[in-house]
Amino acid sequence: MKHLSLAVATLCAASMLMASGGHKEKAETKKGMNEYQRVVHIGTEASKKLLKTLGGNLKKRMKAGGPEEALKFCAMNAADLTAKVDRELGEDVSIKRITLKPRNPANEAQGDEKAVLEALETLNREHVKLPGHLVQKTPEGYKYYKPLVIKKKVCLKCHGTNIDPKLEATIDKHYPTDKARGYKMGDLRGAIVVTIKK
């Protein structure tokens, strides 16, 4: 219970606004959305775009050559595809993936983002249903977080506890510092973070 209270306190201290659909702000934008709704809209669309880009390509590789082909594709292309989506979002919006257990060290959560993920992980471990997204106010604007929970068994082929030895060797070759194993269904894998400037 102590860990659960600490997780909730961490999210509150980080100025989180959980989407409940009932949040109102006085200042309306020209398009009829208040600031919070605008941030949620941008974050939702940006994260959908990244998930569709990465997920669609990954699915094709899985069909073509199984988990090993998908893993090689991720190693060679995931960072570039994320950067491409990031560029397409414009200079006031940026996107990335973060995790506490990175396969690619560039995706390791740092600072306040790490604190948010740790809090979400504690809530998930305590069987508290995670929100679809969180919004954090920052001095420069906002951060929109979309928690990524393992919901498909296929994810465990590369990230689970019983990885095929041949595939494990391929993981070790491409990701010598890999920490992204040992997951089970329902675990928090990480989050997509969309940073939105004011």
N, C-alpha and C. Protein backbone atom coordinates (compact mmCIF):
# COMPACT_ATOMS: atom_id res chain seq x y z
N MET A 1 0.82 -1.20 0.00
CA MET A 1 0.00 0.00 0.00
C MET A 1 0.86 1.26 0.00
N LYS A 2 2.00 1.18 0.71
CA LYS A 2 2.91 2.33 0.77
C LYS A 2 3.43 2.67 -0.63
N HIS A 3 3.79 1.63 -1.41
CA HIS A 3 4.29 1.85 -2.77
C HIS A 3 3.21 2.46 -3.66
N LEU A 4 1.98 2.02 -3.46
CA LEU A 4 0.86 2.53 -4.24
C LEU A 4 0.65 4.01 -3.96
N SER A 5 0.67 4.39 -2.69
CA SER A 5 0.51 5.80 -2.31
C SER A 5 1.63 6.65 -2.87
N LEU A 6 2.84 6.11 -2.84
CA LEU A 6 4.00 6.83 -3.38
C LEU A 6 3.87 7.04 -4.89
N ALA A 7 3.37 6.02 -5.59
CA ALA A 7 3.18 6.12 -7.04
C ALA A 7 2.16 7.21 -7.38
N VAL A 8 1.06 7.23 -6.65
CA VAL A 8 0.04 8.24 -6.89
C VAL A 8 0.60 9.63 -6.59
N ALA A 9 1.36 9.74 -5.49
CA ALA A 9 1.95 11.02 -5.12
C ALA A 9 2.94 11.50 -6.18
N THR A 10 3.70 10.57 -6.75
CA THR A 10 4.68 10.92 -7.78
C THR A 10 3.97 11.49 -9.00
N LEU A 11 2.88 10.85 -9.42
CA LEU A 11 2.13 11.36 -10.57
C LEU A 11 1.54 12.74 -10.28
N CYS A 12 1.06 12.93 -9.07
CA CYS A 12 0.50 14.24 -8.71
C CYS A 12 1.60 15.29 -8.64
N ALA A 13 2.75 14.94 -8.08
CA ALA A 13 3.87 15.88 -7.96
C ALA A 13 4.39 16.28 -9.34
N ALA A 14 4.26 15.37 -10.28
CA ALA A 14 4.73 15.66 -11.64
C ALA A 14 3.69 16.47 -12.42
N SER A 15 2.68 16.98 -11.72
CA SER A 15 1.62 17.80 -12.34
C SER A 15 0.85 17.04 -13.40
N MET A 16 0.50 15.80 -13.13
CA MET A 16 -0.23 15.00 -14.10
C MET A 16 -1.70 15.35 -14.09
N LEU A 17 -2.27 15.35 -15.27
CA LEU A 17 -3.71 15.51 -15.43
C LEU A 17 -4.21 14.26 -16.11
N MET A 18 -4.91 13.40 -15.39
CA MET A 18 -5.41 12.18 -16.01
C MET A 18 -6.65 12.49 -16.81
N ALA A 19 -6.71 11.92 -18.01
CA ALA A 19 -7.86 12.19 -18.89
C ALA A 19 -9.10 11.53 -18.32
N SER A 20 -10.08 12.34 -18.03
CA SER A 20 -11.33 11.78 -17.52
C SER A 20 -12.50 12.20 -18.39
N GLY A 21 -12.22 13.11 -19.34
CA GLY A 21 -13.29 13.59 -20.20
C GLY A 21 -14.04 14.75 -19.56
N GLY A 22 -13.79 15.01 -18.26
CA GLY A 22 -14.52 16.07 -17.60
C GLY A 22 -13.67 17.30 -17.34
N HIS A 23 -12.45 17.34 -17.84
CA HIS A 23 -11.55 18.47 -17.60
C HIS A 23 -12.01 19.68 -18.41
N LYS A 24 -12.15 20.84 -17.74
CA LYS A 24 -12.59 22.06 -18.42
C LYS A 24 -11.58 23.17 -18.19
N GLU A 25 -11.39 23.97 -19.19
CA GLU A 25 -10.58 25.17 -19.05
C GLU A 25 -11.35 26.31 -19.67
N LYS A 26 -11.14 27.53 -19.14
CA LYS A 26 -11.90 28.69 -19.62
C LYS A 26 -11.46 29.13 -21.01
N ALA A 27 -10.15 29.15 -21.22
CA ALA A 27 -9.65 29.68 -22.50
C ALA A 27 -9.89 28.70 -23.63
N GLU A 28 -10.71 29.08 -24.58
CA GLU A 28 -11.00 28.24 -25.74
C GLU A 28 -10.10 28.64 -26.90
N THR A 29 -9.62 27.68 -27.65
CA THR A 29 -8.82 27.99 -28.83
C THR A 29 -9.75 28.32 -29.98
N LYS A 30 -9.18 28.78 -31.08
CA LYS A 30 -9.98 29.16 -32.25
C LYS A 30 -10.78 27.99 -32.80
N LYS A 31 -10.28 26.79 -32.65
CA LYS A 31 -10.96 25.62 -33.22
C LYS A 31 -12.00 25.04 -32.26
N GLY A 32 -12.26 25.75 -31.16
CA GLY A 32 -13.27 25.27 -30.23
C GLY A 32 -12.76 24.30 -29.20
N MET A 33 -11.47 24.02 -29.18
CA MET A 33 -10.89 23.12 -28.18
C MET A 33 -10.18 23.97 -27.13
N ASN A 34 -10.30 23.57 -25.88
CA ASN A 34 -9.50 24.25 -24.87
C ASN A 34 -8.06 23.70 -24.95
N GLU A 35 -7.18 24.30 -24.20
CA GLU A 35 -5.75 23.94 -24.29
C GLU A 35 -5.51 22.46 -23.99
N TYR A 36 -6.15 21.95 -22.95
CA TYR A 36 -5.99 20.55 -22.57
C TYR A 36 -6.47 19.62 -23.69
N GLN A 37 -7.64 19.91 -24.25
CA GLN A 37 -8.18 19.09 -25.33
C GLN A 37 -7.27 19.11 -26.56
N ARG A 38 -6.69 20.28 -26.83
CA ARG A 38 -5.77 20.41 -27.97
C ARG A 38 -4.54 19.53 -27.77
N VAL A 39 -3.99 19.56 -26.55
CA VAL A 39 -2.81 18.75 -26.22
C VAL A 39 -3.13 17.26 -26.35
N VAL A 40 -4.27 16.86 -25.82
CA VAL A 40 -4.68 15.45 -25.90
C VAL A 40 -4.87 15.04 -27.36
N HIS A 41 -5.49 15.91 -28.15
CA HIS A 41 -5.70 15.60 -29.57
C HIS A 41 -4.35 15.41 -30.29
N ILE A 42 -3.44 16.35 -30.09
CA ILE A 42 -2.13 16.26 -30.73
C ILE A 42 -1.39 15.00 -30.28
N GLY A 43 -1.38 14.76 -28.96
CA GLY A 43 -0.69 13.58 -28.42
C GLY A 43 -1.28 12.27 -28.92
N THR A 44 -2.61 12.21 -28.97
CA THR A 44 -3.28 10.99 -29.43
C THR A 44 -2.96 10.72 -30.90
N GLU A 45 -3.07 11.75 -31.73
CA GLU A 45 -2.80 11.57 -33.16
C GLU A 45 -1.34 11.22 -33.43
N ALA A 46 -0.43 11.88 -32.72
CA ALA A 46 1.00 11.61 -32.91
C ALA A 46 1.36 10.19 -32.48
N SER A 47 0.85 9.76 -31.33
CA SER A 47 1.17 8.40 -30.86
C SER A 47 0.55 7.34 -31.76
N LYS A 48 -0.66 7.61 -32.27
CA LYS A 48 -1.29 6.68 -33.23
C LYS A 48 -0.41 6.53 -34.48
N LYS A 49 0.09 7.67 -34.96
CA LYS A 49 0.91 7.67 -36.17
C LYS A 49 2.18 6.84 -35.96
N LEU A 50 2.83 7.01 -34.80
CA LEU A 50 4.04 6.24 -34.53
C LEU A 50 3.74 4.76 -34.38
N LEU A 51 2.69 4.43 -33.65
CA LEU A 51 2.32 3.01 -33.46
C LEU A 51 1.96 2.35 -34.79
N LYS A 52 1.25 3.09 -35.64
CA LYS A 52 0.87 2.54 -36.95
C LYS A 52 2.11 2.32 -37.81
N THR A 53 3.03 3.28 -37.79
CA THR A 53 4.25 3.17 -38.59
C THR A 53 5.11 2.00 -38.13
N LEU A 54 5.40 1.93 -36.83
CA LEU A 54 6.25 0.85 -36.31
C LEU A 54 5.52 -0.49 -36.34
N GLY A 55 4.27 -0.49 -35.86
CA GLY A 55 3.50 -1.74 -35.80
C GLY A 55 3.23 -2.35 -37.15
N GLY A 56 2.88 -1.51 -38.13
CA GLY A 56 2.61 -2.01 -39.48
C GLY A 56 3.83 -2.66 -40.10
N ASN A 57 4.97 -1.99 -39.97
CA ASN A 57 6.21 -2.54 -40.52
C ASN A 57 6.63 -3.82 -39.80
N LEU A 58 6.46 -3.83 -38.49
CA LEU A 58 6.82 -5.01 -37.69
C LEU A 58 5.96 -6.21 -38.06
N LYS A 59 4.68 -5.95 -38.26
CA LYS A 59 3.74 -7.02 -38.64
C LYS A 59 4.15 -7.65 -39.98
N LYS A 60 4.53 -6.81 -40.93
CA LYS A 60 4.96 -7.30 -42.25
C LYS A 60 6.19 -8.20 -42.10
N ARG A 61 7.14 -7.77 -41.28
CA ARG A 61 8.37 -8.55 -41.10
C ARG A 61 8.09 -9.87 -40.39
N MET A 62 7.17 -9.84 -39.42
CA MET A 62 6.81 -11.07 -38.71
C MET A 62 6.20 -12.08 -39.67
N LYS A 63 5.33 -11.59 -40.58
CA LYS A 63 4.71 -12.48 -41.56
C LYS A 63 5.74 -13.02 -42.53
N ALA A 64 6.67 -12.15 -42.92
CA ALA A 64 7.67 -12.54 -43.92
C ALA A 64 8.72 -13.51 -43.38
N GLY A 65 9.18 -13.28 -42.16
CA GLY A 65 10.29 -14.11 -41.68
C GLY A 65 10.30 -14.41 -40.20
N GLY A 66 9.17 -14.21 -39.53
CA GLY A 66 9.07 -14.54 -38.12
C GLY A 66 9.78 -13.54 -37.21
N PRO A 67 9.90 -13.89 -35.91
CA PRO A 67 10.46 -12.97 -34.92
C PRO A 67 11.89 -12.51 -35.23
N GLU A 68 12.70 -13.40 -35.82
CA GLU A 68 14.08 -13.02 -36.11
C GLU A 68 14.15 -11.91 -37.16
N GLU A 69 13.33 -12.03 -38.18
CA GLU A 69 13.26 -10.99 -39.21
C GLU A 69 12.74 -9.68 -38.63
N ALA A 70 11.73 -9.78 -37.75
CA ALA A 70 11.17 -8.60 -37.11
C ALA A 70 12.20 -7.92 -36.21
N LEU A 71 12.96 -8.72 -35.49
CA LEU A 71 14.00 -8.17 -34.61
C LEU A 71 15.07 -7.43 -35.41
N LYS A 72 15.52 -8.05 -36.48
CA LYS A 72 16.54 -7.41 -37.33
C LYS A 72 16.01 -6.10 -37.90
N PHE A 73 14.73 -6.11 -38.30
CA PHE A 73 14.12 -4.90 -38.83
C PHE A 73 14.13 -3.79 -37.77
N CYS A 74 13.73 -4.15 -36.55
CA CYS A 74 13.71 -3.17 -35.45
C CYS A 74 15.11 -2.59 -35.22
N ALA A 75 16.10 -3.48 -35.18
CA ALA A 75 17.47 -3.05 -34.92
C ALA A 75 17.95 -2.05 -35.97
N MET A 76 17.58 -2.28 -37.21
CA MET A 76 18.07 -1.45 -38.31
C MET A 76 17.19 -0.23 -38.60
N ASN A 77 15.89 -0.29 -38.27
CA ASN A 77 14.97 0.74 -38.76
C ASN A 77 14.11 1.47 -37.74
N ALA A 78 13.91 0.92 -36.54
CA ALA A 78 12.96 1.53 -35.59
C ALA A 78 13.34 2.96 -35.24
N ALA A 79 14.60 3.22 -34.97
CA ALA A 79 15.04 4.57 -34.61
C ALA A 79 14.83 5.54 -35.77
N ASP A 80 15.15 5.10 -36.99
CA ASP A 80 14.98 5.96 -38.17
C ASP A 80 13.50 6.26 -38.44
N LEU A 81 12.65 5.24 -38.28
CA LEU A 81 11.21 5.45 -38.50
C LEU A 81 10.62 6.40 -37.46
N THR A 82 11.09 6.27 -36.20
CA THR A 82 10.64 7.18 -35.15
C THR A 82 11.08 8.61 -35.46
N ALA A 83 12.33 8.76 -35.91
CA ALA A 83 12.84 10.09 -36.28
C ALA A 83 12.06 10.68 -37.45
N LYS A 84 11.66 9.82 -38.39
CA LYS A 84 10.88 10.28 -39.55
C LYS A 84 9.52 10.81 -39.10
N VAL A 85 8.84 10.06 -38.24
CA VAL A 85 7.55 10.51 -37.71
C VAL A 85 7.74 11.81 -36.94
N ASP A 86 8.80 11.87 -36.15
CA ASP A 86 9.10 13.08 -35.37
C ASP A 86 9.23 14.31 -36.29
N ARG A 87 9.94 14.16 -37.39
CA ARG A 87 10.11 15.27 -38.35
C ARG A 87 8.77 15.68 -38.96
N GLU A 88 7.95 14.69 -39.27
CA GLU A 88 6.66 14.96 -39.91
C GLU A 88 5.68 15.71 -38.98
N LEU A 89 5.92 15.63 -37.68
CA LEU A 89 5.03 16.29 -36.72
C LEU A 89 5.28 17.79 -36.62
N GLY A 90 6.38 18.28 -37.18
CA GLY A 90 6.69 19.71 -37.14
C GLY A 90 7.60 20.06 -35.98
N GLU A 91 8.03 21.31 -35.97
CA GLU A 91 9.05 21.68 -34.98
C GLU A 91 8.49 21.93 -33.58
N ASP A 92 7.18 22.09 -33.42
CA ASP A 92 6.61 22.31 -32.09
C ASP A 92 6.16 21.03 -31.39
N VAL A 93 6.29 19.90 -32.07
CA VAL A 93 5.88 18.60 -31.51
C VAL A 93 7.00 17.59 -31.74
N SER A 94 7.36 16.86 -30.70
CA SER A 94 8.35 15.79 -30.87
C SER A 94 7.84 14.51 -30.21
N ILE A 95 8.36 13.37 -30.67
CA ILE A 95 7.86 12.08 -30.18
C ILE A 95 9.01 11.12 -29.97
N LYS A 96 8.87 10.27 -28.97
CA LYS A 96 9.87 9.23 -28.71
C LYS A 96 9.23 8.11 -27.90
N ARG A 97 9.95 7.01 -27.81
CA ARG A 97 9.54 5.89 -26.96
C ARG A 97 10.50 5.83 -25.78
N ILE A 98 9.95 5.54 -24.59
CA ILE A 98 10.80 5.41 -23.41
C ILE A 98 10.45 4.12 -22.67
N THR A 99 11.40 3.64 -21.89
CA THR A 99 11.21 2.43 -21.11
C THR A 99 12.19 2.40 -19.94
N LEU A 100 11.87 1.60 -18.94
CA LEU A 100 12.79 1.40 -17.81
C LEU A 100 13.76 0.26 -18.11
N LYS A 101 13.37 -0.61 -19.05
CA LYS A 101 14.21 -1.75 -19.42
C LYS A 101 14.48 -1.69 -20.92
N PRO A 102 15.46 -0.88 -21.32
CA PRO A 102 15.67 -0.67 -22.76
C PRO A 102 16.36 -1.82 -23.47
N ARG A 103 15.94 -2.00 -24.70
CA ARG A 103 16.67 -2.87 -25.63
C ARG A 103 17.71 -1.99 -26.32
N ASN A 104 17.27 -0.84 -26.78
CA ASN A 104 18.16 0.18 -27.33
C ASN A 104 18.39 1.21 -26.23
N PRO A 105 19.65 1.42 -25.80
CA PRO A 105 19.92 2.35 -24.70
C PRO A 105 19.37 3.76 -24.93
N ALA A 106 19.19 4.15 -26.19
CA ALA A 106 18.66 5.49 -26.49
C ALA A 106 17.23 5.67 -26.00
N ASN A 107 16.52 4.57 -25.73
CA ASN A 107 15.13 4.65 -25.28
C ASN A 107 14.97 4.61 -23.76
N GLU A 108 16.07 4.63 -23.03
CA GLU A 108 15.97 4.55 -21.57
C GLU A 108 15.40 5.85 -21.01
N ALA A 109 14.39 5.72 -20.16
CA ALA A 109 13.75 6.89 -19.55
C ALA A 109 14.71 7.59 -18.59
N GLN A 110 14.66 8.91 -18.61
CA GLN A 110 15.52 9.73 -17.76
C GLN A 110 14.67 10.76 -17.00
N GLY A 111 15.19 11.26 -15.91
CA GLY A 111 14.59 12.38 -15.19
C GLY A 111 13.13 12.19 -14.83
N ASP A 112 12.31 13.23 -15.11
CA ASP A 112 10.90 13.18 -14.74
C ASP A 112 10.16 12.09 -15.50
N GLU A 113 10.62 11.77 -16.71
CA GLU A 113 9.98 10.71 -17.49
C GLU A 113 10.19 9.34 -16.82
N LYS A 114 11.35 9.16 -16.25
CA LYS A 114 11.63 7.91 -15.52
C LYS A 114 10.73 7.81 -14.29
N ALA A 115 10.56 8.92 -13.57
CA ALA A 115 9.70 8.93 -12.38
C ALA A 115 8.26 8.59 -12.74
N VAL A 116 7.79 9.11 -13.87
CA VAL A 116 6.42 8.83 -14.33
C VAL A 116 6.28 7.33 -14.64
N LEU A 117 7.25 6.78 -15.37
CA LEU A 117 7.18 5.35 -15.71
C LEU A 117 7.25 4.47 -14.46
N GLU A 118 8.09 4.83 -13.52
CA GLU A 118 8.19 4.05 -12.27
C GLU A 118 6.86 4.08 -11.52
N ALA A 119 6.22 5.24 -11.49
CA ALA A 119 4.92 5.35 -10.83
C ALA A 119 3.87 4.50 -11.54
N LEU A 120 3.86 4.56 -12.88
CA LEU A 120 2.91 3.76 -13.66
C LEU A 120 3.15 2.26 -13.46
N GLU A 121 4.43 1.89 -13.39
CA GLU A 121 4.76 0.48 -13.19
C GLU A 121 4.27 0.00 -11.83
N THR A 122 4.42 0.83 -10.81
CA THR A 122 3.93 0.47 -9.47
C THR A 122 2.41 0.28 -9.49
N LEU A 123 1.71 1.21 -10.10
CA LEU A 123 0.25 1.10 -10.19
C LEU A 123 -0.16 -0.17 -10.94
N ASN A 124 0.53 -0.46 -12.04
CA ASN A 124 0.22 -1.65 -12.83
C ASN A 124 0.47 -2.92 -12.03
N ARG A 125 1.55 -2.93 -11.30
CA ARG A 125 1.90 -4.10 -10.48
C ARG A 125 0.86 -4.32 -9.38
N GLU A 126 0.26 -3.22 -8.92
CA GLU A 126 -0.77 -3.32 -7.87
C GLU A 126 -2.17 -3.53 -8.46
N HIS A 127 -2.21 -3.83 -9.78
CA HIS A 127 -3.46 -4.12 -10.49
C HIS A 127 -4.41 -2.93 -10.56
N VAL A 128 -3.84 -1.72 -10.58
CA VAL A 128 -4.63 -0.52 -10.80
C VAL A 128 -4.69 -0.30 -12.31
N LYS A 129 -5.89 -0.11 -12.84
CA LYS A 129 -6.02 0.09 -14.29
C LYS A 129 -5.36 1.40 -14.69
N LEU A 130 -4.44 1.32 -15.65
CA LEU A 130 -3.73 2.51 -16.08
C LEU A 130 -4.60 3.34 -17.02
N PRO A 131 -4.44 4.66 -16.97
CA PRO A 131 -5.19 5.51 -17.90
C PRO A 131 -4.66 5.33 -19.32
N GLY A 132 -5.49 5.68 -20.29
CA GLY A 132 -5.06 5.60 -21.69
C GLY A 132 -3.95 6.59 -22.00
N HIS A 133 -3.93 7.69 -21.25
CA HIS A 133 -2.87 8.68 -21.43
C HIS A 133 -2.79 9.58 -20.20
N LEU A 134 -1.68 10.27 -20.08
CA LEU A 134 -1.46 11.27 -19.03
C LEU A 134 -0.95 12.54 -19.71
N VAL A 135 -1.24 13.67 -19.11
CA VAL A 135 -0.70 14.94 -19.61
C VAL A 135 0.05 15.62 -18.47
N GLN A 136 1.26 16.03 -18.75
CA GLN A 136 2.10 16.71 -17.76
C GLN A 136 2.40 18.13 -18.26
N LYS A 137 2.14 19.12 -17.42
CA LYS A 137 2.48 20.50 -17.77
C LYS A 137 3.96 20.70 -17.50
N THR A 138 4.65 21.35 -18.42
CA THR A 138 6.07 21.65 -18.26
C THR A 138 6.27 23.15 -18.48
N PRO A 139 7.44 23.67 -18.10
CA PRO A 139 7.69 25.11 -18.33
C PRO A 139 7.58 25.50 -19.81
N GLU A 140 7.90 24.57 -20.71
CA GLU A 140 7.88 24.87 -22.15
C GLU A 140 6.55 24.54 -22.82
N GLY A 141 5.71 23.77 -22.15
CA GLY A 141 4.45 23.35 -22.77
C GLY A 141 3.85 22.15 -22.05
N TYR A 142 3.82 21.00 -22.74
CA TYR A 142 3.20 19.80 -22.18
C TYR A 142 3.94 18.54 -22.65
N LYS A 143 3.79 17.48 -21.85
CA LYS A 143 4.20 16.15 -22.28
C LYS A 143 2.96 15.25 -22.19
N TYR A 144 2.72 14.55 -23.27
CA TYR A 144 1.62 13.59 -23.35
C TYR A 144 2.25 12.20 -23.28
N TYR A 145 1.81 11.39 -22.33
CA TYR A 145 2.33 10.03 -22.17
C TYR A 145 1.26 9.02 -22.56
N LYS A 146 1.62 8.07 -23.41
CA LYS A 146 0.74 6.94 -23.71
C LYS A 146 1.40 5.68 -23.18
N PRO A 147 0.91 5.12 -22.07
CA PRO A 147 1.50 3.88 -21.54
C PRO A 147 1.38 2.74 -22.55
N LEU A 148 2.43 1.94 -22.65
CA LEU A 148 2.44 0.78 -23.55
C LEU A 148 2.47 -0.49 -22.69
N VAL A 149 1.36 -1.20 -22.72
CA VAL A 149 1.22 -2.44 -21.94
C VAL A 149 1.24 -3.62 -22.90
N ILE A 150 1.90 -4.70 -22.49
CA ILE A 150 1.97 -5.89 -23.34
C ILE A 150 0.61 -6.60 -23.34
N LYS A 151 -0.06 -6.56 -24.50
CA LYS A 151 -1.39 -7.14 -24.63
C LYS A 151 -1.44 -8.27 -25.65
N LYS A 152 -0.35 -8.45 -26.40
CA LYS A 152 -0.33 -9.49 -27.43
C LYS A 152 0.79 -10.49 -27.13
N LYS A 153 0.44 -11.78 -27.23
CA LYS A 153 1.42 -12.83 -26.92
C LYS A 153 2.63 -12.78 -27.85
N VAL A 154 2.43 -12.29 -29.07
CA VAL A 154 3.53 -12.24 -30.03
C VAL A 154 4.68 -11.36 -29.50
N CYS A 155 4.36 -10.37 -28.67
CA CYS A 155 5.39 -9.49 -28.10
C CYS A 155 6.37 -10.28 -27.23
N LEU A 156 5.85 -11.35 -26.61
CA LEU A 156 6.68 -12.12 -25.69
C LEU A 156 7.70 -13.01 -26.39
N LYS A 157 7.54 -13.17 -27.71
CA LYS A 157 8.53 -13.96 -28.46
C LYS A 157 9.91 -13.32 -28.36
N CYS A 158 9.95 -11.98 -28.33
CA CYS A 158 11.22 -11.25 -28.22
C CYS A 158 11.45 -10.64 -26.85
N HIS A 159 10.37 -10.50 -26.06
CA HIS A 159 10.49 -9.79 -24.78
C HIS A 159 10.09 -10.63 -23.57
N GLY A 160 9.72 -11.88 -23.78
CA GLY A 160 9.22 -12.71 -22.68
C GLY A 160 10.30 -13.41 -21.87
N THR A 161 9.89 -14.47 -21.19
CA THR A 161 10.80 -15.22 -20.32
C THR A 161 11.31 -16.49 -20.98
N ASN A 162 10.68 -16.90 -22.08
CA ASN A 162 11.04 -18.16 -22.72
C ASN A 162 11.35 -17.92 -24.21
N ILE A 163 12.43 -17.17 -24.44
CA ILE A 163 12.80 -16.78 -25.81
C ILE A 163 13.59 -17.91 -26.46
N ASP A 164 13.29 -18.19 -27.71
CA ASP A 164 14.01 -19.21 -28.47
C ASP A 164 15.52 -18.91 -28.44
N PRO A 165 16.36 -19.91 -28.15
CA PRO A 165 17.81 -19.68 -28.04
C PRO A 165 18.43 -19.03 -29.27
N LYS A 166 17.99 -19.42 -30.46
CA LYS A 166 18.53 -18.83 -31.69
C LYS A 166 18.18 -17.33 -31.76
N LEU A 167 16.94 -17.02 -31.40
CA LEU A 167 16.50 -15.64 -31.39
C LEU A 167 17.24 -14.85 -30.31
N GLU A 168 17.47 -15.49 -29.18
CA GLU A 168 18.20 -14.84 -28.09
C GLU A 168 19.62 -14.47 -28.54
N ALA A 169 20.24 -15.34 -29.32
CA ALA A 169 21.58 -15.06 -29.84
C ALA A 169 21.55 -13.86 -30.79
N THR A 170 20.48 -13.75 -31.58
CA THR A 170 20.33 -12.61 -32.49
C THR A 170 20.13 -11.32 -31.69
N ILE A 171 19.34 -11.40 -30.63
CA ILE A 171 19.14 -10.24 -29.76
C ILE A 171 20.48 -9.78 -29.18
N ASP A 172 21.25 -10.75 -28.67
CA ASP A 172 22.55 -10.43 -28.07
C ASP A 172 23.50 -9.79 -29.08
N LYS A 173 23.41 -10.23 -30.32
CA LYS A 173 24.27 -9.70 -31.38
C LYS A 173 23.93 -8.24 -31.68
N HIS A 174 22.64 -7.95 -31.82
CA HIS A 174 22.21 -6.60 -32.19
C HIS A 174 22.11 -5.65 -31.00
N TYR A 175 21.83 -6.22 -29.83
CA TYR A 175 21.64 -5.39 -28.63
C TYR A 175 22.45 -5.98 -27.47
N PRO A 176 23.75 -5.74 -27.44
CA PRO A 176 24.59 -6.35 -26.40
C PRO A 176 24.25 -5.92 -24.96
N THR A 177 23.57 -4.79 -24.78
CA THR A 177 23.22 -4.35 -23.42
C THR A 177 21.72 -4.50 -23.14
N ASP A 178 21.06 -5.37 -23.89
CA ASP A 178 19.60 -5.54 -23.79
C ASP A 178 19.12 -5.85 -22.37
N LYS A 179 18.07 -5.14 -21.96
CA LYS A 179 17.41 -5.38 -20.67
C LYS A 179 15.93 -5.71 -20.85
N ALA A 180 15.47 -5.74 -22.10
CA ALA A 180 14.03 -5.83 -22.40
C ALA A 180 13.52 -7.26 -22.50
N ARG A 181 13.84 -8.06 -21.49
CA ARG A 181 13.34 -9.45 -21.46
C ARG A 181 12.69 -9.71 -20.11
N GLY A 182 12.00 -10.83 -20.01
CA GLY A 182 11.38 -11.21 -18.74
C GLY A 182 9.99 -10.66 -18.53
N TYR A 183 9.40 -10.11 -19.58
CA TYR A 183 8.04 -9.57 -19.48
C TYR A 183 7.01 -10.69 -19.56
N LYS A 184 5.82 -10.38 -19.05
CA LYS A 184 4.67 -11.27 -19.21
C LYS A 184 3.46 -10.44 -19.62
N MET A 185 2.40 -11.09 -20.01
CA MET A 185 1.19 -10.39 -20.45
C MET A 185 0.71 -9.42 -19.38
N GLY A 186 0.36 -8.21 -19.80
CA GLY A 186 -0.14 -7.20 -18.87
C GLY A 186 0.92 -6.31 -18.27
N ASP A 187 2.21 -6.64 -18.50
CA ASP A 187 3.28 -5.80 -17.97
C ASP A 187 3.38 -4.49 -18.73
N LEU A 188 3.85 -3.47 -18.03
CA LEU A 188 4.11 -2.18 -18.67
C LEU A 188 5.45 -2.26 -19.38
N ARG A 189 5.44 -2.06 -20.69
CA ARG A 189 6.68 -2.11 -21.48
C ARG A 189 7.38 -0.75 -21.50
N GLY A 190 6.59 0.32 -21.43
CA GLY A 190 7.15 1.66 -21.49
C GLY A 190 6.06 2.65 -21.84
N ALA A 191 6.44 3.69 -22.57
CA ALA A 191 5.45 4.70 -22.98
C ALA A 191 5.93 5.43 -24.22
N ILE A 192 4.97 5.99 -24.92
CA ILE A 192 5.29 6.97 -25.97
C ILE A 192 5.14 8.34 -25.31
N VAL A 193 6.11 9.21 -25.54
CA VAL A 193 6.05 10.57 -25.00
C VAL A 193 6.00 11.55 -26.17
N VAL A 194 4.97 12.37 -26.16
CA VAL A 194 4.82 13.44 -27.15
C VAL A 194 5.03 14.76 -26.43
N THR A 195 6.06 15.49 -26.82
CA THR A 195 6.34 16.79 -26.22
C THR A 195 5.75 17.88 -27.11
N ILE A 196 4.95 18.73 -26.52
CA ILE A 196 4.23 19.77 -27.26
C ILE A 196 4.60 21.13 -26.71
N LYS A 197 5.20 21.96 -27.54
CA LYS A 197 5.56 23.31 -27.11
C LYS A 197 4.33 24.20 -27.11
N LYS A 198 4.35 25.20 -26.23
CA LYS A 198 3.22 26.15 -26.16
C LYS A 198 3.13 26.96 -27.44
